[in-house]
C-alpha atoms as a PDB file:
ATOM      1  CA  MET A   1       0.001  -0.001  -0.002  1.00  0.00           C
ATOM      2  CA  PHE A   2       2.931   2.329   0.660  1.00  0.00           C
ATOM      3  CA  ILE A   3       4.179   1.906  -2.936  1.00  0.00           C
ATOM      4  CA  LEU A   4       0.661   2.528  -4.298  1.00  0.00           C
ATOM      5  CA  ALA A   5       0.195   5.594  -2.091  1.00  0.00           C
ATOM      6  CA  ALA A   6       3.552   7.017  -3.228  1.00  0.00           C
ATOM      7  CA  GLY A   7       2.661   6.246  -6.861  1.00  0.00           C
ATOM      8  CA  SER A   8      -0.636   8.072  -6.371  1.00  0.00           C
ATOM      9  CA  TYR A   9       1.165  11.082  -5.005  1.00  0.00           C
ATOM     10  CA  PHE A  10       3.495  11.281  -8.000  1.00  0.00           C
ATOM     11  CA  ASP A  11       0.654  10.656 -10.442  1.00  0.00           C
ATOM     12  CA  VAL A  12      -1.413  13.507  -8.999  1.00  0.00           C
ATOM     13  CA  ARG A  13       1.506  15.884  -8.717  1.00  0.00           C
ATOM     14  CA  GLU A  14       3.601  15.113 -11.825  1.00  0.00           C
ATOM     15  CA  HIS A  15       1.280  13.077 -14.085  1.00  0.00           C
ATOM     16  CA  ARG A  16       3.775  10.226 -14.062  1.00  0.00           C
ATOM     17  CA  ILE A  17       4.888   7.383 -11.801  1.00  0.00           C
ATOM     18  CA  PRO A  18       8.681   7.106 -11.460  1.00  0.00           C
ATOM     19  CA  ASN A  19      10.372   3.896 -12.550  1.00  0.00           C
ATOM     20  CA  TRP A  20      12.464   3.774  -9.363  1.00  0.00           C
ATOM     21  CA  LEU A  21       9.240   3.502  -7.362  1.00  0.00           C
ATOM     22  CA  VAL A  22       7.945   0.644  -9.502  1.00  0.00           C
ATOM     23  CA  LEU A  23      11.325  -1.127  -9.277  1.00  0.00           C
ATOM     24  CA  THR A  24      11.169  -0.729  -5.494  1.00  0.00           C
ATOM     25  CA  GLY A  25       7.711  -2.272  -5.587  1.00  0.00           C
ATOM     26  CA  ILE A  26       8.934  -5.192  -7.671  1.00  0.00           C
ATOM     27  CA  ALA A  27      11.914  -5.815  -5.385  1.00  0.00           C
ATOM     28  CA  ALA A  28       9.720  -5.631  -2.277  1.00  0.00           C
ATOM     29  CA  GLY A  29       7.153  -7.926  -3.910  1.00  0.00           C
ATOM     30  CA  LEU A  30       9.747 -10.522  -4.756  1.00  0.00           C
ATOM     31  CA  PHE A  31      11.212 -10.308  -1.249  1.00  0.00           C
ATOM     32  CA  LEU A  32       7.820 -10.482   0.488  1.00  0.00           C
ATOM     33  CA  SER A  33       6.586 -13.320  -1.701  1.00  0.00           C
ATOM     34  CA  GLY A  34       9.679 -15.261  -0.710  1.00  0.00           C
ATOM     35  CA  LEU A  35       9.017 -14.503   2.950  1.00  0.00           C
ATOM     36  CA  GLY A  36       5.377 -15.491   2.498  1.00  0.00           C
ATOM     37  CA  THR A  37       6.312 -19.169   2.407  1.00  0.00           C
ATOM     38  CA  GLY A  38       7.311 -18.901   6.054  1.00  0.00           C
ATOM     39  CA  GLY A  39      10.314 -21.132   5.458  1.00  0.00           C
ATOM     40  CA  MET A  40       8.032 -24.052   4.571  1.00  0.00           C
ATOM     41  CA  GLY A  41       9.192 -26.153   1.643  1.00  0.00           C
ATOM     42  CA  GLY A  42      12.693 -24.693   1.516  1.00  0.00           C
ATOM     43  CA  SER A  43      14.246 -22.765  -1.291  1.00  0.00           C
ATOM     44  CA  GLN A  44      12.093 -24.407  -3.949  1.00  0.00           C
ATOM     45  CA  ALA A  45       8.905 -22.976  -2.397  1.00  0.00           C
ATOM     46  CA  VAL A  46      10.537 -19.536  -2.062  1.00  0.00           C
ATOM     47  CA  LEU A  47      11.578 -19.608  -5.706  1.00  0.00           C
ATOM     48  CA  GLN A  48       8.113 -20.753  -6.752  1.00  0.00           C
ATOM     49  CA  GLU A  49       6.396 -17.877  -4.918  1.00  0.00           C
ATOM     50  CA  MET A  50       8.842 -15.346  -6.347  1.00  0.00           C
ATOM     51  CA  THR A  51       8.280 -16.741  -9.827  1.00  0.00           C
ATOM     52  CA  SER A  52       4.499 -16.535  -9.355  1.00  0.00           C
ATOM     53  CA  PHE A  53       4.771 -12.859  -8.386  1.00  0.00           C
ATOM     54  CA  ALA A  54       6.992 -12.120 -11.404  1.00  0.00           C
ATOM     55  CA  CYS A  55       4.702 -14.026 -13.783  1.00  0.00           C
ATOM     56  CA  ARG A  56       1.588 -12.198 -12.554  1.00  0.00           C
ATOM     57  CA  PHE A  57       3.408  -8.871 -12.988  1.00  0.00           C
ATOM     58  CA  LEU A  58       4.536  -9.724 -16.537  1.00  0.00           C
ATOM     59  CA  VAL A  59       1.181 -11.165 -17.680  1.00  0.00           C
ATOM     60  CA  VAL A  60      -0.722  -8.091 -16.525  1.00  0.00           C
ATOM     61  CA  THR A  61       1.865  -5.747 -18.070  1.00  0.00           C
ATOM     62  CA  ALA A  62       1.588  -7.583 -21.391  1.00  0.00           C
ATOM     63  CA  GLY A  63      -2.220  -7.619 -21.214  1.00  0.00           C
ATOM     64  CA  PHE A  64      -2.531  -3.866 -20.734  1.00  0.00           C
ATOM     65  CA  PHE A  65       0.252  -2.937 -23.159  1.00  0.00           C
ATOM     66  CA  ILE A  66      -2.161  -2.344 -26.060  1.00  0.00           C
ATOM     67  CA  LEU A  67      -3.764   0.482 -24.048  1.00  0.00           C
ATOM     68  CA  PHE A  68      -0.329   2.063 -23.678  1.00  0.00           C
ATOM     69  CA  ILE A  69       0.363   1.734 -27.411  1.00  0.00           C
ATOM     70  CA  CYS A  70      -2.885   3.603 -28.084  1.00  0.00           C
ATOM     71  CA  ARG A  71      -1.890   6.193 -25.459  1.00  0.00           C
ATOM     72  CA  MET A  72      -5.100   5.590 -23.546  1.00  0.00           C
ATOM     73  CA  ILE A  73      -3.217   4.754 -20.350  1.00  0.00           C
ATOM     74  CA  GLY A  74       0.242   5.604 -19.111  1.00  0.00           C
ATOM     75  CA  ALA A  75       3.080   3.121 -18.706  1.00  0.00           C
ATOM     76  CA  GLY A  76       3.298   3.925 -14.998  1.00  0.00           C
ATOM     77  CA  ASP A  77      -0.398   3.160 -14.567  1.00  0.00           C
ATOM     78  CA  ILE A  78       0.115  -0.238 -16.177  1.00  0.00           C
ATOM     79  CA  LYS A  79       3.036  -0.975 -13.875  1.00  0.00           C
ATOM     80  CA  ILE A  80       0.939   0.017 -10.840  1.00  0.00           C
ATOM     81  CA  ILE A  81      -1.849  -2.295 -12.044  1.00  0.00           C
ATOM     82  CA  ALA A  82       0.692  -5.065 -12.537  1.00  0.00           C
ATOM     83  CA  LEU A  83       2.052  -4.538  -9.006  1.00  0.00           C
ATOM     84  CA  ILE A  84      -1.459  -4.773  -7.601  1.00  0.00           C
ATOM     85  CA  CYS A  85      -2.020  -8.113  -9.330  1.00  0.00           C
ATOM     86  CA  GLY A  86       1.483  -9.269  -8.415  1.00  0.00           C
ATOM     87  CA  TYR A  87       0.852  -8.668  -4.727  1.00  0.00           C
ATOM     88  CA  LEU A  88      -2.821  -9.615  -4.484  1.00  0.00           C
ATOM     89  CA  GLY A  89      -3.028 -12.404  -7.053  1.00  0.00           C
ATOM     90  CA  PHE A  90      -5.281 -12.479 -10.071  1.00  0.00           C
ATOM     91  CA  SER A  91      -8.680 -12.779  -8.348  1.00  0.00           C
ATOM     92  CA  VAL A  92      -8.384 -10.054  -5.691  1.00  0.00           C
ATOM     93  CA  GLY A  93      -6.104  -8.067  -8.028  1.00  0.00           C
ATOM     94  CA  PHE A  94      -8.799  -8.137 -10.703  1.00  0.00           C
ATOM     95  CA  ALA A  95     -11.344  -6.879  -8.171  1.00  0.00           C
ATOM     96  CA  ALA A  96      -8.949  -4.076  -7.138  1.00  0.00           C
ATOM     97  CA  VAL A  97      -8.310  -3.033 -10.748  1.00  0.00           C
ATOM     98  CA  ALA A  98     -12.005  -3.214 -11.599  1.00  0.00           C
ATOM     99  CA  CYS A  99     -12.828  -1.003  -8.595  1.00  0.00           C
ATOM    100  CA  GLY A 100     -10.046   1.374  -9.656  1.00  0.00           C
ATOM    101  CA  PHE A 101     -11.399   1.626 -13.195  1.00  0.00           C
ATOM    102  CA  LEU A 102     -14.933   2.209 -11.857  1.00  0.00           C
ATOM    103  CA  ILE A 103     -13.644   4.993  -9.607  1.00  0.00           C
ATOM    104  CA  GLY A 104     -11.793   6.455 -12.590  1.00  0.00           C
ATOM    105  CA  ALA A 105     -14.858   6.195 -14.841  1.00  0.00           C
ATOM    106  CA  PHE A 106     -17.043   7.942 -12.264  1.00  0.00           C
ATOM    107  CA  TRP A 107     -14.422  10.631 -11.694  1.00  0.00           C
ATOM    108  CA  SER A 108     -14.091  11.178 -15.463  1.00  0.00           C
ATOM    109  CA  LEU A 109     -17.820  11.418 -15.936  1.00  0.00           C
ATOM    110  CA  VAL A 110     -18.145  13.974 -13.128  1.00  0.00           C
ATOM    111  CA  LEU A 111     -15.164  15.938 -14.505  1.00  0.00           C
ATOM    112  CA  MET A 112     -16.575  15.971 -18.048  1.00  0.00           C
ATOM    113  CA  THR A 113     -20.015  16.979 -16.773  1.00  0.00           C
ATOM    114  CA  VAL A 114     -18.658  19.813 -14.635  1.00  0.00           C
ATOM    115  CA  LYS A 115     -16.488  21.097 -17.498  1.00  0.00           C
ATOM    116  CA  GLY A 116     -19.335  20.662 -19.995  1.00  0.00           C
ATOM    117  CA  CYS A 117     -17.258  18.594 -22.385  1.00  0.00           C
ATOM    118  CA  ALA A 118     -18.882  15.156 -22.061  1.00  0.00           C
ATOM    119  CA  PHE A 119     -20.403  15.229 -25.560  1.00  0.00           C
ATOM    120  CA  GLN A 120     -17.113  16.420 -27.059  1.00  0.00           C
ATOM    121  CA  ARG A 121     -15.067  13.667 -25.299  1.00  0.00           C
ATOM    122  CA  PHE A 122     -17.493  10.879 -26.298  1.00  0.00           C
ATOM    123  CA  SER A 123     -17.524  12.201 -29.868  1.00  0.00           C
ATOM    124  CA  TYR A 124     -13.710  12.270 -29.845  1.00  0.00           C
ATOM    125  CA  PHE A 125     -13.588   8.662 -28.619  1.00  0.00           C
ATOM    126  CA  LEU A 126     -16.061   7.432 -31.250  1.00  0.00           C
ATOM    127  CA  THR A 127     -14.142   9.245 -33.980  1.00  0.00           C
ATOM    128  CA  TYR A 128     -10.886   7.692 -32.751  1.00  0.00           C
ATOM    129  CA  PHE A 129     -12.417   4.212 -32.656  1.00  0.00           C
ATOM    130  CA  ARG A 130     -13.975   4.585 -36.112  1.00  0.00           C
ATOM    131  CA  SER A 131     -10.608   5.753 -37.495  1.00  0.00           C
ATOM    132  CA  LEU A 132      -8.898   2.808 -35.856  1.00  0.00           C
ATOM    133  CA  LEU A 133     -11.308   0.356 -37.502  1.00  0.00           C
ATOM    134  CA  GLN A 134     -11.182   2.017 -40.921  1.00  0.00           C
ATOM    135  CA  THR A 135      -7.433   2.569 -41.215  1.00  0.00           C
ATOM    136  CA  LYS A 136      -6.369  -0.430 -39.063  1.00  0.00           C
ATOM    137  CA  LYS A 137      -3.550   1.784 -37.783  1.00  0.00           C
ATOM    138  CA  ILE A 138      -2.963   2.424 -34.121  1.00  0.00           C
ATOM    139  CA  THR A 139      -2.483   6.101 -33.398  1.00  0.00           C
ATOM    140  CA  ALA A 140      -2.210   7.972 -30.139  1.00  0.00           C
ATOM    141  CA  TYR A 141      -5.600   8.617 -28.555  1.00  0.00           C
ATOM    142  CA  TYR A 142      -4.186  11.231 -26.216  1.00  0.00           C
ATOM    143  CA  SER A 143      -1.262  13.606 -26.497  1.00  0.00           C
ATOM    144  CA  SER A 144      -0.388  15.869 -23.566  1.00  0.00           C
ATOM    145  CA  VAL A 145       1.033  18.400 -26.029  1.00  0.00           C
ATOM    146  CA  LEU A 146      -2.214  18.624 -28.015  1.00  0.00           C
ATOM    147  CA  ASP A 147      -4.827  17.796 -25.376  1.00  0.00           C
ATOM    148  CA  GLY A 148      -3.271  19.197 -22.198  1.00  0.00           C
ATOM    149  CA  TYR A 149      -4.058  17.783 -18.770  1.00  0.00           C
ATOM    150  CA  ASP A 150      -7.605  19.139 -18.345  1.00  0.00           C
ATOM    151  CA  ALA A 151      -9.285  15.826 -19.177  1.00  0.00           C
ATOM    152  CA  VAL A 152      -6.695  13.649 -17.452  1.00  0.00           C
ATOM    153  CA  ILE A 153      -7.408  11.887 -14.189  1.00  0.00           C
ATOM    154  CA  PRO A 154      -4.663  10.347 -12.038  1.00  0.00           C
ATOM    155  CA  LEU A 155      -5.388   6.675 -12.681  1.00  0.00           C
ATOM    156  CA  GLY A 156      -2.699   5.695 -10.170  1.00  0.00           C
ATOM    157  CA  LEU A 157      -4.797   7.263  -7.421  1.00  0.00           C
ATOM    158  CA  CYS A 158      -7.886   5.455  -8.671  1.00  0.00           C
ATOM    159  CA  MET A 159      -6.011   2.154  -8.621  1.00  0.00           C
ATOM    160  CA  PHE A 160      -4.766   2.850  -5.093  1.00  0.00           C
ATOM    161  CA  LEU A 161      -8.337   3.500  -3.928  1.00  0.00           C
ATOM    162  CA  GLY A 162      -9.502   0.372  -5.787  1.00  0.00           C
ATOM    163  CA  ALA A 163      -6.815  -1.695  -4.048  1.00  0.00           C
ATOM    164  CA  VAL A 164      -7.877  -0.347  -0.653  1.00  0.00           C
ATOM    165  CA  LEU A 165     -11.496  -1.300  -1.386  1.00  0.00           C
ATOM    166  CA  ALA A 166     -10.504  -4.761  -2.588  1.00  0.00           C
ATOM    167  CA  VAL A 167      -8.330  -5.472   0.449  1.00  0.00           C
ATOM    168  CA  VAL A 168     -11.086  -4.324   2.808  1.00  0.00           C
ATOM    169  CA  PHE A 169     -14.058  -5.994   1.087  1.00  0.00           C
ATOM    170  CA  PHE A 170     -12.653  -8.992  -0.788  1.00  0.00           C
END
């Protein structure tokens, strides 16, 4: 939770999650997963738990990579999502990420409604999706240079809140 909270802070403040923080999370996850065996089963069990953590992290990173290629989600957000699933496993991790996306969707909808740009954003998304289907070329959905940060929500914070909800309720 400390890594997620720190990632949330950086995401809100700088619109990015530093790699050193994610690497710290990976190192801590590998260490803690090894400790999680409680010394039972020896070094083989420790290695198996560490491998499971690493595999969950890599599978989730690979699964969300297409959203990064389309520039719909940041690389740091994907790494935070992968850390959540690495630590919590796929079932509780999925619940945490789903809660995080729901929080983000609600926040986005409120933000678009308050700013009066909901119709424009939905139109932009449909135009992007239609262009993607017609040209079969992946282009960037979002560019901070062109679009600014007005319509951006800190997804790292949403994922942190989703992880808190999942740990408490699942």
